[in-house]
């Protein structure tokens, strides 16, 4: 019943509409629009009656590389895409939470399904991409960074075909530090609202010849993702394994032997108690939450007796979860 309820609410959890106030890209003034979130697009109109009748004032395309987070300004959140970062203000804290929840669902759905556009741009697998401030020799510059096959390429614009530079991260040491010293400023980075009051997360990349580069991001979600993927591509990712990951290692070492005692481990048995901790060492809270949801679905599928008539239906549910 719970699976059916979740399935029926899926569309509702991915769509929303309502008024938000948007910060302009050029004039830097705030204007109120009617926003409609549907089909992984956030479209905005002057008033609700314009929907379906008039051309929208703009469209924000969302995909698995989009990022969003709260801003320092009251009831404000930001959405970072390939094109730019948008700043939107809700009318109340409750409305803000509702938008954040639905956007989180859209992001999780996009992460599970690779986009066609990303596969067409390059045959190489993109591990991570997004806007960061690159600090080199004390000078901060906002750059569009793409991490592919152990190489971090950075561009001035998302549409640029030729990178301004590339960094081979193989063998580099990656860590988060409290802050780095830099002089000057980057106008694009500081043009965001209340930027002086927003926290900067600093990532240090130390090359094999002990030279350091620094990357600044405003979102904890972005910081966690960059730390994870840079560490993974550099070959120096160090994470404490969870009990579930240790169990999987033991099962692989036993080559899946059906007689192995590890198959009777409590983690692989049905339990009525809720899972209280992440099962895997993933880089963000969103991924951890999705992993718990997937595990519960698979656990229920494997542990509960099913009538022969319902086998096909439950197989489809399991395939959809994976």
C-alpha atoms as a PDB file:
ATOM      1  CA  UNK A   1       0.000   0.000   0.000  1.00  0.00           C
ATOM      2  CA  UNK A   2       2.851   2.357   0.873  1.00  0.00           C
ATOM      3  CA  UNK A   3       4.519   1.677  -2.487  1.00  0.00           C
ATOM      4  CA  UNK A   4       1.254   2.375  -4.312  1.00  0.00           C
ATOM      5  CA  UNK A   5       0.730   5.624  -2.369  1.00  0.00           C
ATOM      6  CA  UNK A   6       4.289   6.781  -3.189  1.00  0.00           C
ATOM      7  CA  UNK A   7       3.817   5.904  -6.843  1.00  0.00           C
ATOM      8  CA  UNK A   8       0.513   7.819  -7.095  1.00  0.00           C
ATOM      9  CA  UNK A   9       2.032  10.933  -5.483  1.00  0.00           C
ATOM     10  CA  UNK A  10       5.117  10.955  -7.662  1.00  0.00           C
ATOM     11  CA  UNK A  11       3.790  13.430 -10.220  1.00  0.00           C
ATOM     12  CA  UNK A  12       2.461  15.723  -7.499  1.00  0.00           C
ATOM     13  CA  UNK A  13       5.852  15.710  -5.787  1.00  0.00           C
ATOM     14  CA  UNK A  14       7.570  16.859  -8.994  1.00  0.00           C
ATOM     15  CA  UNK A  15       5.262  19.757  -9.869  1.00  0.00           C
ATOM     16  CA  UNK A  16       4.388  23.069  -8.225  1.00  0.00           C
ATOM     17  CA  UNK A  17       3.206  26.567  -9.073  1.00  0.00           C
ATOM     18  CA  UNK A  18       3.015  29.867  -7.226  1.00  0.00           C
ATOM     19  CA  UNK A  19       4.359  33.390  -6.919  1.00  0.00           C
ATOM     20  CA  UNK A  20       8.098  33.974  -6.401  1.00  0.00           C
ATOM     21  CA  UNK A  21      10.120  37.175  -6.593  1.00  0.00           C
ATOM     22  CA  UNK A  22      13.107  36.906  -8.953  1.00  0.00           C
ATOM     23  CA  UNK A  23      16.333  38.928  -9.018  1.00  0.00           C
ATOM     24  CA  UNK A  24      17.057  40.334 -12.490  1.00  0.00           C
ATOM     25  CA  UNK A  25      20.330  39.409 -14.201  1.00  0.00           C
ATOM     26  CA  UNK A  26      21.182  42.903 -15.472  1.00  0.00           C
ATOM     27  CA  UNK A  27      19.237  45.536 -13.559  1.00  0.00           C
ATOM     28  CA  UNK A  28      19.526  43.626 -10.262  1.00  0.00           C
ATOM     29  CA  UNK A  29      15.962  44.533  -9.329  1.00  0.00           C
ATOM     30  CA  UNK A  30      13.372  42.158  -7.867  1.00  0.00           C
ATOM     31  CA  UNK A  31      10.211  41.321  -9.831  1.00  0.00           C
ATOM     32  CA  UNK A  32       7.291  39.086  -8.878  1.00  0.00           C
ATOM     33  CA  UNK A  33       6.317  36.331 -11.321  1.00  0.00           C
ATOM     34  CA  UNK A  34       4.019  33.326 -11.395  1.00  0.00           C
ATOM     35  CA  UNK A  35       6.270  30.238 -11.539  1.00  0.00           C
ATOM     36  CA  UNK A  36       5.283  26.796 -12.855  1.00  0.00           C
ATOM     37  CA  UNK A  37       7.511  23.780 -12.190  1.00  0.00           C
ATOM     38  CA  UNK A  38       6.771  20.895 -14.560  1.00  0.00           C
ATOM     39  CA  UNK A  39       8.756  18.422 -16.691  1.00  0.00           C
ATOM     40  CA  UNK A  40      12.030  19.556 -15.074  1.00  0.00           C
ATOM     41  CA  UNK A  41      11.466  23.145 -16.247  1.00  0.00           C
ATOM     42  CA  UNK A  42      10.742  26.166 -14.066  1.00  0.00           C
ATOM     43  CA  UNK A  43       8.755  28.527 -16.295  1.00  0.00           C
ATOM     44  CA  UNK A  44       7.654  31.949 -15.138  1.00  0.00           C
ATOM     45  CA  UNK A  45       4.868  34.275 -16.317  1.00  0.00           C
ATOM     46  CA  UNK A  46       3.656  37.759 -15.408  1.00  0.00           C
ATOM     47  CA  UNK A  47       0.356  36.464 -13.949  1.00  0.00           C
ATOM     48  CA  UNK A  48      -1.319  33.002 -13.627  1.00  0.00           C
ATOM     49  CA  UNK A  49      -3.790  33.761 -16.435  1.00  0.00           C
ATOM     50  CA  UNK A  50      -0.886  34.004 -18.918  1.00  0.00           C
ATOM     51  CA  UNK A  51      -0.146  30.275 -18.579  1.00  0.00           C
ATOM     52  CA  UNK A  52      -1.059  28.550 -21.834  1.00  0.00           C
ATOM     53  CA  UNK A  53      -2.130  31.844 -23.403  1.00  0.00           C
ATOM     54  CA  UNK A  54       0.999  33.957 -23.643  1.00  0.00           C
ATOM     55  CA  UNK A  55       4.695  33.382 -24.099  1.00  0.00           C
ATOM     56  CA  UNK A  56       6.486  32.899 -20.757  1.00  0.00           C
ATOM     57  CA  UNK A  57       8.828  35.599 -19.508  1.00  0.00           C
ATOM     58  CA  UNK A  58      11.541  32.992 -19.085  1.00  0.00           C
ATOM     59  CA  UNK A  59      12.420  29.330 -18.526  1.00  0.00           C
ATOM     60  CA  UNK A  60      14.920  27.808 -16.090  1.00  0.00           C
ATOM     61  CA  UNK A  61      16.072  24.416 -17.368  1.00  0.00           C
ATOM     62  CA  UNK A  62      16.818  21.878 -14.611  1.00  0.00           C
ATOM     63  CA  UNK A  63      18.980  18.774 -14.932  1.00  0.00           C
ATOM     64  CA  UNK A  64      21.164  16.482 -12.824  1.00  0.00           C
ATOM     65  CA  UNK A  65      23.885  19.155 -12.673  1.00  0.00           C
ATOM     66  CA  UNK A  66      21.603  21.893 -11.340  1.00  0.00           C
ATOM     67  CA  UNK A  67      22.200  22.934  -7.753  1.00  0.00           C
ATOM     68  CA  UNK A  68      20.018  24.821  -5.311  1.00  0.00           C
ATOM     69  CA  UNK A  69      20.478  26.069  -1.771  1.00  0.00           C
ATOM     70  CA  UNK A  70      19.176  28.608   0.716  1.00  0.00           C
ATOM     71  CA  UNK A  71      20.475  32.154   0.461  1.00  0.00           C
ATOM     72  CA  UNK A  72      21.286  34.511   3.338  1.00  0.00           C
ATOM     73  CA  UNK A  73      18.369  36.780   2.438  1.00  0.00           C
ATOM     74  CA  UNK A  74      15.042  36.006   4.143  1.00  0.00           C
ATOM     75  CA  UNK A  75      12.944  33.304   2.412  1.00  0.00           C
ATOM     76  CA  UNK A  76      15.396  33.288  -0.534  1.00  0.00           C
ATOM     77  CA  UNK A  77      16.977  30.350  -2.360  1.00  0.00           C
ATOM     78  CA  UNK A  78      19.283  30.077  -5.353  1.00  0.00           C
ATOM     79  CA  UNK A  79      19.301  27.751  -8.354  1.00  0.00           C
ATOM     80  CA  UNK A  80      22.628  27.263 -10.167  1.00  0.00           C
ATOM     81  CA  UNK A  81      22.406  25.956 -13.755  1.00  0.00           C
ATOM     82  CA  UNK A  82      24.719  25.732 -16.762  1.00  0.00           C
ATOM     83  CA  UNK A  83      23.710  29.252 -17.790  1.00  0.00           C
ATOM     84  CA  UNK A  84      23.680  31.233 -14.543  1.00  0.00           C
ATOM     85  CA  UNK A  85      22.606  31.379 -10.920  1.00  0.00           C
ATOM     86  CA  UNK A  86      19.028  32.494 -10.211  1.00  0.00           C
ATOM     87  CA  UNK A  87      17.866  34.046  -6.931  1.00  0.00           C
ATOM     88  CA  UNK A  88      14.226  33.569  -5.923  1.00  0.00           C
ATOM     89  CA  UNK A  89      12.327  34.754  -2.854  1.00  0.00           C
ATOM     90  CA  UNK A  90       9.199  33.077  -1.489  1.00  0.00           C
ATOM     91  CA  UNK A  91       6.410  34.845   0.418  1.00  0.00           C
ATOM     92  CA  UNK A  92       6.909  32.827   3.612  1.00  0.00           C
ATOM     93  CA  UNK A  93       9.130  30.234   5.255  1.00  0.00           C
ATOM     94  CA  UNK A  94       6.483  27.557   4.658  1.00  0.00           C
ATOM     95  CA  UNK A  95       6.324  28.357   0.939  1.00  0.00           C
ATOM     96  CA  UNK A  96      10.123  28.307   0.754  1.00  0.00           C
ATOM     97  CA  UNK A  97      10.220  24.829   2.341  1.00  0.00           C
ATOM     98  CA  UNK A  98       7.598  23.583  -0.140  1.00  0.00           C
ATOM     99  CA  UNK A  99       9.621  24.806  -3.133  1.00  0.00           C
ATOM    100  CA  UNK A 100      12.842  23.354  -1.717  1.00  0.00           C
ATOM    101  CA  UNK A 101      11.197  19.960  -1.194  1.00  0.00           C
ATOM    102  CA  UNK A 102       9.790  19.743  -4.731  1.00  0.00           C
ATOM    103  CA  UNK A 103      13.062  20.936  -6.291  1.00  0.00           C
ATOM    104  CA  UNK A 104      14.907  18.291  -4.280  1.00  0.00           C
ATOM    105  CA  UNK A 105      12.597  15.619  -5.746  1.00  0.00           C
ATOM    106  CA  UNK A 106      13.258  16.912  -9.278  1.00  0.00           C
ATOM    107  CA  UNK A 107      17.015  16.864  -8.674  1.00  0.00           C
ATOM    108  CA  UNK A 108      16.909  13.308  -7.336  1.00  0.00           C
ATOM    109  CA  UNK A 109      14.949  12.155 -10.385  1.00  0.00           C
ATOM    110  CA  UNK A 110      17.460  13.826 -12.731  1.00  0.00           C
ATOM    111  CA  UNK A 111      20.418  12.253 -10.927  1.00  0.00           C
ATOM    112  CA  UNK A 112      18.955   8.784 -11.480  1.00  0.00           C
ATOM    113  CA  UNK A 113      18.527   9.379 -15.227  1.00  0.00           C
ATOM    114  CA  UNK A 114      21.491  10.594 -17.317  1.00  0.00           C
ATOM    115  CA  UNK A 115      20.529  13.425 -19.659  1.00  0.00           C
ATOM    116  CA  UNK A 116      20.766  13.058 -23.426  1.00  0.00           C
ATOM    117  CA  UNK A 117      22.364  16.483 -23.733  1.00  0.00           C
ATOM    118  CA  UNK A 118      25.261  15.580 -21.477  1.00  0.00           C
ATOM    119  CA  UNK A 119      26.019  12.397 -23.425  1.00  0.00           C
ATOM    120  CA  UNK A 120      25.931  14.241 -26.746  1.00  0.00           C
ATOM    121  CA  UNK A 121      28.393  16.946 -25.655  1.00  0.00           C
ATOM    122  CA  UNK A 122      31.173  14.486 -25.044  1.00  0.00           C
ATOM    123  CA  UNK A 123      31.813  10.764 -25.182  1.00  0.00           C
ATOM    124  CA  UNK A 124      33.771  11.116 -21.933  1.00  0.00           C
ATOM    125  CA  UNK A 125      31.875  10.724 -18.693  1.00  0.00           C
ATOM    126  CA  UNK A 126      31.454  13.984 -16.798  1.00  0.00           C
ATOM    127  CA  UNK A 127      31.926  13.343 -13.091  1.00  0.00           C
ATOM    128  CA  UNK A 128      31.029  16.867 -11.948  1.00  0.00           C
ATOM    129  CA  UNK A 129      30.534  20.354 -13.350  1.00  0.00           C
ATOM    130  CA  UNK A 130      29.439  23.749 -12.076  1.00  0.00           C
ATOM    131  CA  UNK A 131      30.364  27.322 -11.214  1.00  0.00           C
ATOM    132  CA  UNK A 132      33.158  27.858  -8.677  1.00  0.00           C
ATOM    133  CA  UNK A 133      35.614  30.626  -7.871  1.00  0.00           C
ATOM    134  CA  UNK A 134      39.136  29.502  -8.717  1.00  0.00           C
ATOM    135  CA  UNK A 135      41.822  31.186  -6.628  1.00  0.00           C
ATOM    136  CA  UNK A 136      45.304  31.028  -8.171  1.00  0.00           C
ATOM    137  CA  UNK A 137      48.205  33.054  -6.761  1.00  0.00           C
ATOM    138  CA  UNK A 138      45.758  35.021  -4.631  1.00  0.00           C
ATOM    139  CA  UNK A 139      43.509  36.099  -7.537  1.00  0.00           C
ATOM    140  CA  UNK A 140      39.834  34.966  -7.481  1.00  0.00           C
ATOM    141  CA  UNK A 141      38.076  34.313 -10.781  1.00  0.00           C
ATOM    142  CA  UNK A 142      34.646  32.800 -11.366  1.00  0.00           C
ATOM    143  CA  UNK A 143      34.992  29.810 -13.692  1.00  0.00           C
ATOM    144  CA  UNK A 144      32.797  27.083 -15.161  1.00  0.00           C
ATOM    145  CA  UNK A 145      34.566  23.840 -14.209  1.00  0.00           C
ATOM    146  CA  UNK A 146      34.101  20.376 -15.736  1.00  0.00           C
ATOM    147  CA  UNK A 147      35.701  17.285 -14.175  1.00  0.00           C
ATOM    148  CA  UNK A 148      36.229  14.489 -16.707  1.00  0.00           C
ATOM    149  CA  UNK A 149      38.606  11.512 -16.738  1.00  0.00           C
ATOM    150  CA  UNK A 150      40.879  12.831 -13.956  1.00  0.00           C
ATOM    151  CA  UNK A 151      41.117  16.272 -15.626  1.00  0.00           C
ATOM    152  CA  UNK A 152      39.519  19.467 -14.314  1.00  0.00           C
ATOM    153  CA  UNK A 153      38.896  21.886 -17.195  1.00  0.00           C
ATOM    154  CA  UNK A 154      37.798  25.446 -16.540  1.00  0.00           C
ATOM    155  CA  UNK A 155      36.056  27.933 -18.825  1.00  0.00           C
ATOM    156  CA  UNK A 156      34.981  31.569 -18.662  1.00  0.00           C
ATOM    157  CA  UNK A 157      31.500  30.730 -20.000  1.00  0.00           C
ATOM    158  CA  UNK A 158      29.415  27.569 -20.165  1.00  0.00           C
ATOM    159  CA  UNK A 159      29.190  27.957 -23.959  1.00  0.00           C
ATOM    160  CA  UNK A 160      32.964  28.121 -24.509  1.00  0.00           C
ATOM    161  CA  UNK A 161      34.375  25.261 -26.583  1.00  0.00           C
ATOM    162  CA  UNK A 162      38.027  25.768 -25.639  1.00  0.00           C
ATOM    163  CA  UNK A 163      39.088  25.562 -22.007  1.00  0.00           C
ATOM    164  CA  UNK A 164      41.118  28.367 -20.461  1.00  0.00           C
ATOM    165  CA  UNK A 165      43.167  25.713 -18.705  1.00  0.00           C
ATOM    166  CA  UNK A 166      43.243  22.127 -17.500  1.00  0.00           C
ATOM    167  CA  UNK A 167      44.420  20.531 -14.272  1.00  0.00           C
ATOM    168  CA  UNK A 168      45.341  16.853 -14.061  1.00  0.00           C
ATOM    169  CA  UNK A 169      44.116  15.907 -10.595  1.00  0.00           C
ATOM    170  CA  UNK A 170      45.683  12.430 -10.651  1.00  0.00           C
ATOM    171  CA  UNK A 171      47.603  11.967  -7.419  1.00  0.00           C
ATOM    172  CA  UNK A 172      46.507  15.334  -6.016  1.00  0.00           C
ATOM    173  CA  UNK A 173      45.498  15.678  -2.390  1.00  0.00           C
ATOM    174  CA  UNK A 174      42.050  17.231  -1.886  1.00  0.00           C
ATOM    175  CA  UNK A 175      40.763  18.684   1.365  1.00  0.00           C
ATOM    176  CA  UNK A 176      38.459  21.307   2.846  1.00  0.00           C
ATOM    177  CA  UNK A 177      40.113  24.184   4.704  1.00  0.00           C
ATOM    178  CA  UNK A 178      38.705  27.034   6.775  1.00  0.00           C
ATOM    179  CA  UNK A 179      39.600  29.760   4.272  1.00  0.00           C
ATOM    180  CA  UNK A 180      42.247  30.983   1.861  1.00  0.00           C
ATOM    181  CA  UNK A 181      43.676  34.459   1.491  1.00  0.00           C
ATOM    182  CA  UNK A 182      43.078  36.301  -1.769  1.00  0.00           C
ATOM    183  CA  UNK A 183      43.195  39.864  -2.996  1.00  0.00           C
ATOM    184  CA  UNK A 184      40.943  41.679  -5.444  1.00  0.00           C
ATOM    185  CA  UNK A 185      37.452  40.503  -6.306  1.00  0.00           C
ATOM    186  CA  UNK A 186      35.349  38.894  -8.970  1.00  0.00           C
ATOM    187  CA  UNK A 187      32.358  41.083  -9.828  1.00  0.00           C
ATOM    188  CA  UNK A 188      30.227  38.166 -11.048  1.00  0.00           C
ATOM    189  CA  UNK A 189      30.801  36.297  -7.810  1.00  0.00           C
ATOM    190  CA  UNK A 190      30.052  39.283  -5.608  1.00  0.00           C
ATOM    191  CA  UNK A 191      26.975  40.454  -7.531  1.00  0.00           C
ATOM    192  CA  UNK A 192      24.787  37.904  -5.792  1.00  0.00           C
ATOM    193  CA  UNK A 193      22.496  39.308  -3.052  1.00  0.00           C
ATOM    194  CA  UNK A 194      24.042  39.499   0.419  1.00  0.00           C
ATOM    195  CA  UNK A 195      27.222  37.851  -0.917  1.00  0.00           C
ATOM    196  CA  UNK A 196      29.325  39.496   1.765  1.00  0.00           C
ATOM    197  CA  UNK A 197      27.305  37.739   4.441  1.00  0.00           C
ATOM    198  CA  UNK A 198      27.223  34.329   2.809  1.00  0.00           C
ATOM    199  CA  UNK A 199      29.584  31.634   3.893  1.00  0.00           C
ATOM    200  CA  UNK A 200      32.321  30.500   1.525  1.00  0.00           C
ATOM    201  CA  UNK A 201      33.386  26.851   1.548  1.00  0.00           C
ATOM    202  CA  UNK A 202      37.011  26.431   0.499  1.00  0.00           C
ATOM    203  CA  UNK A 203      38.471  23.358  -1.216  1.00  0.00           C
ATOM    204  CA  UNK A 204      42.247  23.017  -1.536  1.00  0.00           C
ATOM    205  CA  UNK A 205      43.811  20.894  -4.279  1.00  0.00           C
ATOM    206  CA  UNK A 206      47.503  20.142  -3.645  1.00  0.00           C
ATOM    207  CA  UNK A 207      49.437  18.830  -6.651  1.00  0.00           C
ATOM    208  CA  UNK A 208      52.236  16.273  -6.470  1.00  0.00           C
ATOM    209  CA  UNK A 209      54.806  19.118  -6.621  1.00  0.00           C
ATOM    210  CA  UNK A 210      53.125  20.714  -3.564  1.00  0.00           C
ATOM    211  CA  UNK A 211      51.487  23.617  -5.428  1.00  0.00           C
ATOM    212  CA  UNK A 212      48.037  24.565  -4.129  1.00  0.00           C
ATOM    213  CA  UNK A 213      44.910  25.740  -5.916  1.00  0.00           C
ATOM    214  CA  UNK A 214      41.754  26.858  -4.107  1.00  0.00           C
ATOM    215  CA  UNK A 215      38.125  26.645  -5.128  1.00  0.00           C
ATOM    216  CA  UNK A 216      35.314  28.553  -3.404  1.00  0.00           C
ATOM    217  CA  UNK A 217      31.634  27.565  -3.388  1.00  0.00           C
ATOM    218  CA  UNK A 218      28.688  28.933  -1.411  1.00  0.00           C
ATOM    219  CA  UNK A 219      26.661  25.733  -1.060  1.00  0.00           C
ATOM    220  CA  UNK A 220      27.473  22.902   1.353  1.00  0.00           C
ATOM    221  CA  UNK A 221      25.895  20.532  -1.160  1.00  0.00           C
ATOM    222  CA  UNK A 222      28.295  21.716  -3.883  1.00  0.00           C
ATOM    223  CA  UNK A 223      31.234  21.554  -1.478  1.00  0.00           C
ATOM    224  CA  UNK A 224      30.461  17.944  -0.523  1.00  0.00           C
ATOM    225  CA  UNK A 225      29.977  16.920  -4.159  1.00  0.00           C
ATOM    226  CA  UNK A 226      33.220  18.567  -5.364  1.00  0.00           C
ATOM    227  CA  UNK A 227      35.200  17.061  -2.472  1.00  0.00           C
ATOM    228  CA  UNK A 228      33.861  13.608  -3.261  1.00  0.00           C
ATOM    229  CA  UNK A 229      34.389  13.681  -7.029  1.00  0.00           C
ATOM    230  CA  UNK A 230      37.774  15.420  -6.917  1.00  0.00           C
ATOM    231  CA  UNK A 231      38.934  12.901  -4.331  1.00  0.00           C
ATOM    232  CA  UNK A 232      37.588  10.037  -6.414  1.00  0.00           C
ATOM    233  CA  UNK A 233      39.247  11.250  -9.633  1.00  0.00           C
ATOM    234  CA  UNK A 234      42.537  11.968  -7.857  1.00  0.00           C
ATOM    235  CA  UNK A 235      42.670   8.452  -6.428  1.00  0.00           C
ATOM    236  CA  UNK A 236      42.995   9.807  -2.902  1.00  0.00           C
ATOM    237  CA  UNK A 237      39.400   9.574  -1.740  1.00  0.00           C
ATOM    238  CA  UNK A 238      39.386   8.436   1.860  1.00  0.00           C
ATOM    239  CA  UNK A 239      36.024   7.563   3.340  1.00  0.00           C
ATOM    240  CA  UNK A 240      35.104   5.548   6.401  1.00  0.00           C
ATOM    241  CA  UNK A 241      33.155   2.529   5.186  1.00  0.00           C
ATOM    242  CA  UNK A 242      29.728   1.884   6.633  1.00  0.00           C
ATOM    243  CA  UNK A 243      28.644  -1.504   7.992  1.00  0.00           C
ATOM    244  CA  UNK A 244      26.707  -2.141   4.781  1.00  0.00           C
ATOM    245  CA  UNK A 245      29.759  -1.466   2.589  1.00  0.00           C
ATOM    246  CA  UNK A 246      31.897  -3.731   4.781  1.00  0.00           C
ATOM    247  CA  UNK A 247      29.254  -6.452   4.413  1.00  0.00           C
ATOM    248  CA  UNK A 248      29.289  -6.071   0.610  1.00  0.00           C
ATOM    249  CA  UNK A 249      33.098  -6.355   0.630  1.00  0.00           C
ATOM    250  CA  UNK A 250      32.826  -9.618   2.585  1.00  0.00           C
ATOM    251  CA  UNK A 251      30.220 -11.001   0.192  1.00  0.00           C
ATOM    252  CA  UNK A 252      32.403 -10.121  -2.793  1.00  0.00           C
ATOM    253  CA  UNK A 253      35.376 -11.765  -1.136  1.00  0.00           C
ATOM    254  CA  UNK A 254      33.228 -14.890  -0.662  1.00  0.00           C
ATOM    255  CA  UNK A 255      32.269 -14.642  -4.372  1.00  0.00           C
ATOM    256  CA  UNK A 256      28.589 -14.618  -3.452  1.00  0.00           C
ATOM    257  CA  UNK A 257      28.693 -18.094  -1.930  1.00  0.00           C
ATOM    258  CA  UNK A 258      25.042 -18.848  -0.996  1.00  0.00           C
ATOM    259  CA  UNK A 259      26.278 -20.748   2.066  1.00  0.00           C
ATOM    260  CA  UNK A 260      28.166 -17.722   3.383  1.00  0.00           C
ATOM    261  CA  UNK A 261      27.214 -16.648   6.888  1.00  0.00           C
ATOM    262  CA  UNK A 262      27.155 -13.030   5.702  1.00  0.00           C
ATOM    263  CA  UNK A 263      23.860 -13.622   3.896  1.00  0.00           C
ATOM    264  CA  UNK A 264      22.242 -13.987   7.339  1.00  0.00           C
ATOM    265  CA  UNK A 265      23.507 -10.611   8.487  1.00  0.00           C
ATOM    266  CA  UNK A 266      20.709  -8.430  10.034  1.00  0.00           C
ATOM    267  CA  UNK A 267      21.267  -5.750   7.365  1.00  0.00           C
ATOM    268  CA  UNK A 268      19.988  -8.192   4.722  1.00  0.00           C
ATOM    269  CA  UNK A 269      16.999  -9.306   6.806  1.00  0.00           C
ATOM    270  CA  UNK A 270      13.596  -7.693   7.005  1.00  0.00           C
ATOM    271  CA  UNK A 271      13.219  -5.436  10.032  1.00  0.00           C
ATOM    272  CA  UNK A 272      10.278  -3.350  11.186  1.00  0.00           C
ATOM    273  CA  UNK A 273      12.604  -0.739  12.695  1.00  0.00           C
ATOM    274  CA  UNK A 274      13.418   2.306  10.592  1.00  0.00           C
ATOM    275  CA  UNK A 275      16.947   2.604   9.188  1.00  0.00           C
ATOM    276  CA  UNK A 276      18.675   5.154  11.394  1.00  0.00           C
ATOM    277  CA  UNK A 277      21.916   5.842   9.495  1.00  0.00           C
ATOM    278  CA  UNK A 278      23.155   6.060   5.887  1.00  0.00           C
ATOM    279  CA  UNK A 279      23.927   2.702   4.314  1.00  0.00           C
ATOM    280  CA  UNK A 280      26.653   4.043   2.055  1.00  0.00           C
ATOM    281  CA  UNK A 281      29.288   6.779   2.111  1.00  0.00           C
ATOM    282  CA  UNK A 282      27.714   9.118  -0.446  1.00  0.00           C
ATOM    283  CA  UNK A 283      28.684  12.780  -0.990  1.00  0.00           C
ATOM    284  CA  UNK A 284      25.398  14.502  -0.212  1.00  0.00           C
ATOM    285  CA  UNK A 285      22.326  14.236   2.002  1.00  0.00           C
ATOM    286  CA  UNK A 286      20.141  13.925  -1.104  1.00  0.00           C
ATOM    287  CA  UNK A 287      22.022  10.837  -2.310  1.00  0.00           C
ATOM    288  CA  UNK A 288      21.958   9.315   1.197  1.00  0.00           C
ATOM    289  CA  UNK A 289      18.197   9.793   1.443  1.00  0.00           C
ATOM    290  CA  UNK A 290      17.699   8.246  -2.002  1.00  0.00           C
ATOM    291  CA  UNK A 291      19.895   5.270  -1.054  1.00  0.00           C
ATOM    292  CA  UNK A 292      17.805   4.598   2.066  1.00  0.00           C
ATOM    293  CA  UNK A 293      14.593   4.766   0.029  1.00  0.00           C
ATOM    294  CA  UNK A 294      15.960   2.367  -2.604  1.00  0.00           C
ATOM    295  CA  UNK A 295      17.225  -0.048   0.040  1.00  0.00           C
ATOM    296  CA  UNK A 296      13.839  -0.176   1.752  1.00  0.00           C
ATOM    297  CA  UNK A 297      12.125  -0.946  -1.565  1.00  0.00           C
ATOM    298  CA  UNK A 298      14.556  -3.746  -2.415  1.00  0.00           C
ATOM    299  CA  UNK A 299      14.417  -5.106   1.140  1.00  0.00           C
ATOM    300  CA  UNK A 300      10.620  -5.235   1.034  1.00  0.00           C
ATOM    301  CA  UNK A 301      10.673  -6.854  -2.412  1.00  0.00           C
ATOM    302  CA  UNK A 302      13.140  -9.548  -1.278  1.00  0.00           C
ATOM    303  CA  UNK A 303      11.616 -10.338   2.115  1.00  0.00           C
ATOM    304  CA  UNK A 304       7.825 -10.271   1.683  1.00  0.00           C
ATOM    305  CA  UNK A 305       6.055 -13.317   0.119  1.00  0.00           C
ATOM    306  CA  UNK A 306       4.381 -12.474  -3.196  1.00  0.00           C
ATOM    307  CA  UNK A 307       1.531 -14.272  -4.934  1.00  0.00           C
ATOM    308  CA  UNK A 308       2.419 -15.526  -8.388  1.00  0.00           C
ATOM    309  CA  UNK A 309      -0.161 -13.198  -9.943  1.00  0.00           C
ATOM    310  CA  UNK A 310       1.623 -10.156  -8.553  1.00  0.00           C
ATOM    311  CA  UNK A 311       5.187 -11.106  -9.498  1.00  0.00           C
ATOM    312  CA  UNK A 312       5.277  -9.122 -12.758  1.00  0.00           C
ATOM    313  CA  UNK A 313       3.896  -6.021 -11.058  1.00  0.00           C
ATOM    314  CA  UNK A 314       6.465  -6.117  -8.269  1.00  0.00           C
ATOM    315  CA  UNK A 315       9.297  -6.777 -10.731  1.00  0.00           C
ATOM    316  CA  UNK A 316       8.326  -3.584 -12.559  1.00  0.00           C
ATOM    317  CA  UNK A 317       8.329  -1.699  -9.254  1.00  0.00           C
ATOM    318  CA  UNK A 318      11.812  -2.977  -8.455  1.00  0.00           C
ATOM    319  CA  UNK A 319      13.070  -2.075 -11.930  1.00  0.00           C
ATOM    320  CA  UNK A 320      11.653   1.441 -11.564  1.00  0.00           C
ATOM    321  CA  UNK A 321      13.417   1.840  -8.203  1.00  0.00           C
ATOM    322  CA  UNK A 322      16.757   0.777  -9.705  1.00  0.00           C
END
